[in-house]
C-alpha cells in the first residue's frame, strides 16, 4: 500500500501525512505536556522531520502506518494515530503491529483519540492479517490507559523501555460480523 487510506468519522478525517503538516507536527512533538509520557523530552525539528519521513515509509514497506487526525469541520490538525513497527526491542511487540496515538492539548478530554483509534482498529480488523494489536503506555498516563481500555485493549505485561516503566497492552482482533 503506497500511502494511508482516508478514513472518516463523524468529527474527524484521518488522512496521510503531507509535507505541509511539518509545522503542526513540530508544535505537537515540541510540547512538554504532550511528550511527558512519550519519551519525556520534546523533539527538535530534525527529529520531527525524520518522524514525518518515517511515517511515509511505513505504508509502502509494512502496509500500515500512521494517520493525521484532522478535525472535519475546521480542518485543524489535532494529532496523529495509527499502527507501526518501531523495533523497540520489547519481546511482546515482536511480530505484532503496535497501535499508537498522540493528540495536542486542544483535543484533550474530547474523545478524539478514542474516535480516531476506533476507526483505525476497524480498518486494521478488515485489512491486516494480525490476530492482535499491542500498544505501550507509561503506567502513569491514565488518559491513554482509559483510551486503550475503551478500545478493548487489556494489560498484558509490565516491562521497561528506555529505562522507564512501561505497560504493554493487547487487543485481540474482532471477528467479522
C-alpha atoms as a PDB file:
ATOM      1  CA  UNK A   1       0.000   0.000   0.000  1.00  0.00           C
ATOM      2  CA  UNK A   2       1.685   3.245  -1.099  1.00  0.00           C
ATOM      3  CA  UNK A   3       0.037   5.549   1.459  1.00  0.00           C
ATOM      4  CA  UNK A   4      -2.604   5.704   4.171  1.00  0.00           C
ATOM      5  CA  UNK A   5      -6.204   5.417   3.011  1.00  0.00           C
ATOM      6  CA  UNK A   6      -8.516   8.221   4.100  1.00  0.00           C
ATOM      7  CA  UNK A   7     -10.798   7.226   6.980  1.00  0.00           C
ATOM      8  CA  UNK A   8     -13.713   9.356   8.135  1.00  0.00           C
ATOM      9  CA  UNK A   9     -15.702   9.541  11.355  1.00  0.00           C
ATOM     10  CA  UNK A  10     -18.440  11.889  12.463  1.00  0.00           C
ATOM     11  CA  UNK A  11     -15.953  14.532  13.609  1.00  0.00           C
ATOM     12  CA  UNK A  12     -12.660  13.521  12.027  1.00  0.00           C
ATOM     13  CA  UNK A  13     -10.804  12.880   8.813  1.00  0.00           C
ATOM     14  CA  UNK A  14      -7.829  10.532   9.140  1.00  0.00           C
ATOM     15  CA  UNK A  15      -5.500  11.112   6.232  1.00  0.00           C
ATOM     16  CA  UNK A  16      -1.909  10.553   5.123  1.00  0.00           C
ATOM     17  CA  UNK A  17       0.751  12.941   6.363  1.00  0.00           C
ATOM     18  CA  UNK A  18       1.897  15.660   3.979  1.00  0.00           C
ATOM     19  CA  UNK A  19       4.991  17.872   3.928  1.00  0.00           C
ATOM     20  CA  UNK A  20       2.674  20.751   4.861  1.00  0.00           C
ATOM     21  CA  UNK A  21       1.986  19.011   8.196  1.00  0.00           C
ATOM     22  CA  UNK A  22       5.564  19.562   9.363  1.00  0.00           C
ATOM     23  CA  UNK A  23       4.890  22.824  11.273  1.00  0.00           C
ATOM     24  CA  UNK A  24       1.911  21.315  13.126  1.00  0.00           C
ATOM     25  CA  UNK A  25       3.861  18.112  13.849  1.00  0.00           C
ATOM     26  CA  UNK A  26       6.740  20.180  15.155  1.00  0.00           C
ATOM     27  CA  UNK A  27       4.444  22.060  17.550  1.00  0.00           C
ATOM     28  CA  UNK A  28       2.866  18.783  18.726  1.00  0.00           C
ATOM     29  CA  UNK A  29       6.155  16.979  19.398  1.00  0.00           C
ATOM     30  CA  UNK A  30       7.802  20.052  20.991  1.00  0.00           C
ATOM     31  CA  UNK A  31       5.063  20.406  23.629  1.00  0.00           C
ATOM     32  CA  UNK A  32       6.377  19.269  27.017  1.00  0.00           C
ATOM     33  CA  UNK A  33       2.899  18.304  28.223  1.00  0.00           C
ATOM     34  CA  UNK A  34       2.251  16.190  25.113  1.00  0.00           C
ATOM     35  CA  UNK A  35       5.514  14.246  25.359  1.00  0.00           C
ATOM     36  CA  UNK A  36       5.745  13.897  29.141  1.00  0.00           C
ATOM     37  CA  UNK A  37       4.528  10.260  28.867  1.00  0.00           C
ATOM     38  CA  UNK A  38       6.001   9.645  25.400  1.00  0.00           C
ATOM     39  CA  UNK A  39       9.733   9.654  25.884  1.00  0.00           C
ATOM     40  CA  UNK A  40       9.580  12.610  28.246  1.00  0.00           C
ATOM     41  CA  UNK A  41      11.560  15.074  26.132  1.00  0.00           C
ATOM     42  CA  UNK A  42      10.393  17.487  23.428  1.00  0.00           C
ATOM     43  CA  UNK A  43      11.706  16.693  19.952  1.00  0.00           C
ATOM     44  CA  UNK A  44      13.656  19.134  17.849  1.00  0.00           C
ATOM     45  CA  UNK A  45      12.865  19.992  14.244  1.00  0.00           C
ATOM     46  CA  UNK A  46      15.162  17.375  12.747  1.00  0.00           C
ATOM     47  CA  UNK A  47      13.692  14.561  14.864  1.00  0.00           C
ATOM     48  CA  UNK A  48      10.177  15.601  13.841  1.00  0.00           C
ATOM     49  CA  UNK A  49      11.210  15.815  10.176  1.00  0.00           C
ATOM     50  CA  UNK A  50      12.635  12.275  10.337  1.00  0.00           C
ATOM     51  CA  UNK A  51       9.427  11.154  12.072  1.00  0.00           C
ATOM     52  CA  UNK A  52       7.368  12.556   9.189  1.00  0.00           C
ATOM     53  CA  UNK A  53       9.554  10.745   6.649  1.00  0.00           C
ATOM     54  CA  UNK A  54       9.300   7.525   8.678  1.00  0.00           C
ATOM     55  CA  UNK A  55       5.503   7.786   8.613  1.00  0.00           C
ATOM     56  CA  UNK A  56       5.532   7.988   4.817  1.00  0.00           C
ATOM     57  CA  UNK A  57       7.844   4.979   4.576  1.00  0.00           C
ATOM     58  CA  UNK A  58       5.798   2.675   6.782  1.00  0.00           C
ATOM     59  CA  UNK A  59       2.891   2.410   4.356  1.00  0.00           C
ATOM     60  CA  UNK A  60       4.721   1.012   1.307  1.00  0.00           C
ATOM     61  CA  UNK A  61       7.008  -1.165   3.437  1.00  0.00           C
ATOM     62  CA  UNK A  62       4.544  -2.523   6.019  1.00  0.00           C
ATOM     63  CA  UNK A  63       1.081  -1.986   4.545  1.00  0.00           C
ATOM     64  CA  UNK A  64       0.083   0.070   7.594  1.00  0.00           C
ATOM     65  CA  UNK A  65       1.228   3.197   9.367  1.00  0.00           C
ATOM     66  CA  UNK A  66       0.160   6.484  10.899  1.00  0.00           C
ATOM     67  CA  UNK A  67      -2.559   8.975  10.022  1.00  0.00           C
ATOM     68  CA  UNK A  68      -3.030  12.677  10.681  1.00  0.00           C
ATOM     69  CA  UNK A  69      -6.079  13.335  12.851  1.00  0.00           C
ATOM     70  CA  UNK A  70      -7.834  16.302  11.259  1.00  0.00           C
ATOM     71  CA  UNK A  71     -10.993  17.922  12.582  1.00  0.00           C
ATOM     72  CA  UNK A  72     -13.653  17.595   9.903  1.00  0.00           C
ATOM     73  CA  UNK A  73     -15.343  20.981  10.430  1.00  0.00           C
ATOM     74  CA  UNK A  74     -12.294  23.212  10.857  1.00  0.00           C
ATOM     75  CA  UNK A  75      -9.529  21.246   9.126  1.00  0.00           C
ATOM     76  CA  UNK A  76      -7.410  21.671  12.269  1.00  0.00           C
ATOM     77  CA  UNK A  77      -4.516  19.293  12.883  1.00  0.00           C
ATOM     78  CA  UNK A  78      -5.375  17.547  16.172  1.00  0.00           C
ATOM     79  CA  UNK A  79      -2.711  14.852  16.335  1.00  0.00           C
ATOM     80  CA  UNK A  80      -1.597  11.523  14.939  1.00  0.00           C
ATOM     81  CA  UNK A  81      -2.728   7.934  15.330  1.00  0.00           C
ATOM     82  CA  UNK A  82      -2.179   4.599  13.683  1.00  0.00           C
ATOM     83  CA  UNK A  83      -0.113   1.459  13.609  1.00  0.00           C
ATOM     84  CA  UNK A  84       3.613   0.967  13.495  1.00  0.00           C
ATOM     85  CA  UNK A  85       6.539  -1.365  13.891  1.00  0.00           C
ATOM     86  CA  UNK A  86       9.161   0.533  15.887  1.00  0.00           C
ATOM     87  CA  UNK A  87      11.594  -2.346  16.545  1.00  0.00           C
ATOM     88  CA  UNK A  88      11.786  -1.287  20.186  1.00  0.00           C
ATOM     89  CA  UNK A  89      13.408  -4.489  21.409  1.00  0.00           C
ATOM     90  CA  UNK A  90      10.401  -5.315  23.591  1.00  0.00           C
ATOM     91  CA  UNK A  91       9.775  -9.056  23.109  1.00  0.00           C
ATOM     92  CA  UNK A  92       5.992  -8.698  23.477  1.00  0.00           C
ATOM     93  CA  UNK A  93       5.884  -6.331  20.485  1.00  0.00           C
ATOM     94  CA  UNK A  94       7.845  -8.535  18.094  1.00  0.00           C
ATOM     95  CA  UNK A  95       5.804  -9.558  15.060  1.00  0.00           C
ATOM     96  CA  UNK A  96       2.706  -7.651  16.227  1.00  0.00           C
ATOM     97  CA  UNK A  97       1.566  -4.274  14.864  1.00  0.00           C
ATOM     98  CA  UNK A  98       1.753  -1.604  17.560  1.00  0.00           C
ATOM     99  CA  UNK A  99      -1.060   0.915  17.952  1.00  0.00           C
ATOM    100  CA  UNK A 100      -0.215   4.479  18.895  1.00  0.00           C
ATOM    101  CA  UNK A 101      -1.904   7.829  19.298  1.00  0.00           C
ATOM    102  CA  UNK A 102      -0.984  11.341  20.331  1.00  0.00           C
ATOM    103  CA  UNK A 103      -3.203  14.420  20.363  1.00  0.00           C
ATOM    104  CA  UNK A 104      -2.498  18.031  21.210  1.00  0.00           C
ATOM    105  CA  UNK A 105      -3.960  19.843  24.216  1.00  0.00           C
ATOM    106  CA  UNK A 106      -6.834  21.293  22.148  1.00  0.00           C
ATOM    107  CA  UNK A 107      -8.113  17.719  21.671  1.00  0.00           C
ATOM    108  CA  UNK A 108      -7.715  16.508  25.242  1.00  0.00           C
ATOM    109  CA  UNK A 109     -10.866  15.363  27.002  1.00  0.00           C
ATOM    110  CA  UNK A 110     -12.962  15.380  23.819  1.00  0.00           C
ATOM    111  CA  UNK A 111     -12.765  11.683  22.902  1.00  0.00           C
ATOM    112  CA  UNK A 112     -10.708  12.481  19.794  1.00  0.00           C
ATOM    113  CA  UNK A 113      -8.063   9.771  20.321  1.00  0.00           C
ATOM    114  CA  UNK A 114     -10.748   7.159  21.028  1.00  0.00           C
ATOM    115  CA  UNK A 115     -12.768   8.139  17.951  1.00  0.00           C
ATOM    116  CA  UNK A 116      -9.699   8.119  15.698  1.00  0.00           C
ATOM    117  CA  UNK A 117      -8.396   4.815  17.008  1.00  0.00           C
ATOM    118  CA  UNK A 118     -11.814   3.188  16.756  1.00  0.00           C
ATOM    119  CA  UNK A 119     -11.814   3.906  13.000  1.00  0.00           C
ATOM    120  CA  UNK A 120      -8.214   2.696  12.685  1.00  0.00           C
ATOM    121  CA  UNK A 121      -8.947  -0.538  14.545  1.00  0.00           C
ATOM    122  CA  UNK A 122     -11.942  -1.211  12.290  1.00  0.00           C
ATOM    123  CA  UNK A 123      -9.649  -0.691   9.297  1.00  0.00           C
ATOM    124  CA  UNK A 124      -6.992  -2.973  10.835  1.00  0.00           C
ATOM    125  CA  UNK A 125      -9.506  -5.732  11.584  1.00  0.00           C
ATOM    126  CA  UNK A 126     -10.639  -5.654   7.940  1.00  0.00           C
ATOM    127  CA  UNK A 127      -7.234  -5.277   6.249  1.00  0.00           C
ATOM    128  CA  UNK A 128      -4.468  -6.758   8.383  1.00  0.00           C
ATOM    129  CA  UNK A 129      -3.677 -10.400   8.860  1.00  0.00           C
ATOM    130  CA  UNK A 130      -2.764  -9.944  12.505  1.00  0.00           C
ATOM    131  CA  UNK A 131      -4.539 -11.833  15.295  1.00  0.00           C
ATOM    132  CA  UNK A 132      -3.915  -8.980  17.726  1.00  0.00           C
ATOM    133  CA  UNK A 133      -2.543  -5.479  18.115  1.00  0.00           C
ATOM    134  CA  UNK A 134      -0.490  -4.181  21.016  1.00  0.00           C
ATOM    135  CA  UNK A 135       0.463  -0.808  22.412  1.00  0.00           C
ATOM    136  CA  UNK A 136       2.765   0.519  25.093  1.00  0.00           C
ATOM    137  CA  UNK A 137       1.739   3.117  27.640  1.00  0.00           C
ATOM    138  CA  UNK A 138       3.505   4.767  30.554  1.00  0.00           C
ATOM    139  CA  UNK A 139       1.687   3.373  33.639  1.00  0.00           C
ATOM    140  CA  UNK A 140       1.219   6.974  34.880  1.00  0.00           C
ATOM    141  CA  UNK A 141      -0.580   8.028  31.679  1.00  0.00           C
ATOM    142  CA  UNK A 142      -4.116   7.454  32.904  1.00  0.00           C
ATOM    143  CA  UNK A 143      -5.683   9.274  29.938  1.00  0.00           C
ATOM    144  CA  UNK A 144      -4.100   6.885  27.397  1.00  0.00           C
ATOM    145  CA  UNK A 145      -4.858   3.863  29.573  1.00  0.00           C
ATOM    146  CA  UNK A 146      -8.541   4.889  29.549  1.00  0.00           C
ATOM    147  CA  UNK A 147      -8.443   5.230  25.759  1.00  0.00           C
ATOM    148  CA  UNK A 148      -6.831   1.801  25.420  1.00  0.00           C
ATOM    149  CA  UNK A 149      -9.409   0.165  27.686  1.00  0.00           C
ATOM    150  CA  UNK A 150     -12.317   1.800  25.790  1.00  0.00           C
ATOM    151  CA  UNK A 151     -10.858   0.314  22.599  1.00  0.00           C
ATOM    152  CA  UNK A 152     -10.692  -3.204  24.049  1.00  0.00           C
ATOM    153  CA  UNK A 153      -7.013  -3.345  24.980  1.00  0.00           C
ATOM    154  CA  UNK A 154      -6.098  -5.103  28.229  1.00  0.00           C
ATOM    155  CA  UNK A 155      -2.857  -5.037  30.192  1.00  0.00           C
ATOM    156  CA  UNK A 156      -0.539  -7.831  29.089  1.00  0.00           C
ATOM    157  CA  UNK A 157       2.749  -7.240  30.919  1.00  0.00           C
ATOM    158  CA  UNK A 158       4.742  -4.576  32.731  1.00  0.00           C
ATOM    159  CA  UNK A 159       8.265  -4.025  31.442  1.00  0.00           C
ATOM    160  CA  UNK A 160      10.734  -1.202  30.924  1.00  0.00           C
ATOM    161  CA  UNK A 161      11.527   0.782  27.813  1.00  0.00           C
ATOM    162  CA  UNK A 162      14.279   3.368  27.701  1.00  0.00           C
ATOM    163  CA  UNK A 163      14.861   2.708  31.382  1.00  0.00           C
ATOM    164  CA  UNK A 164      11.304   3.732  32.292  1.00  0.00           C
ATOM    165  CA  UNK A 165       8.341   1.624  33.452  1.00  0.00           C
ATOM    166  CA  UNK A 166       6.156   0.655  30.503  1.00  0.00           C
ATOM    167  CA  UNK A 167       2.967  -1.373  30.262  1.00  0.00           C
ATOM    168  CA  UNK A 168       2.216  -3.465  27.180  1.00  0.00           C
ATOM    169  CA  UNK A 169      -1.469  -3.763  26.278  1.00  0.00           C
ATOM    170  CA  UNK A 170      -3.089  -6.179  23.816  1.00  0.00           C
ATOM    171  CA  UNK A 171      -6.309  -6.152  21.789  1.00  0.00           C
ATOM    172  CA  UNK A 172      -7.422  -9.336  20.082  1.00  0.00           C
ATOM    173  CA  UNK A 173      -8.774  -8.854  16.566  1.00  0.00           C
ATOM    174  CA  UNK A 174     -12.545  -8.545  16.429  1.00  0.00           C
ATOM    175  CA  UNK A 175     -14.161 -11.300  14.370  1.00  0.00           C
ATOM    176  CA  UNK A 176     -16.025 -10.182  11.224  1.00  0.00           C
ATOM    177  CA  UNK A 177     -19.775  -9.692  11.648  1.00  0.00           C
END
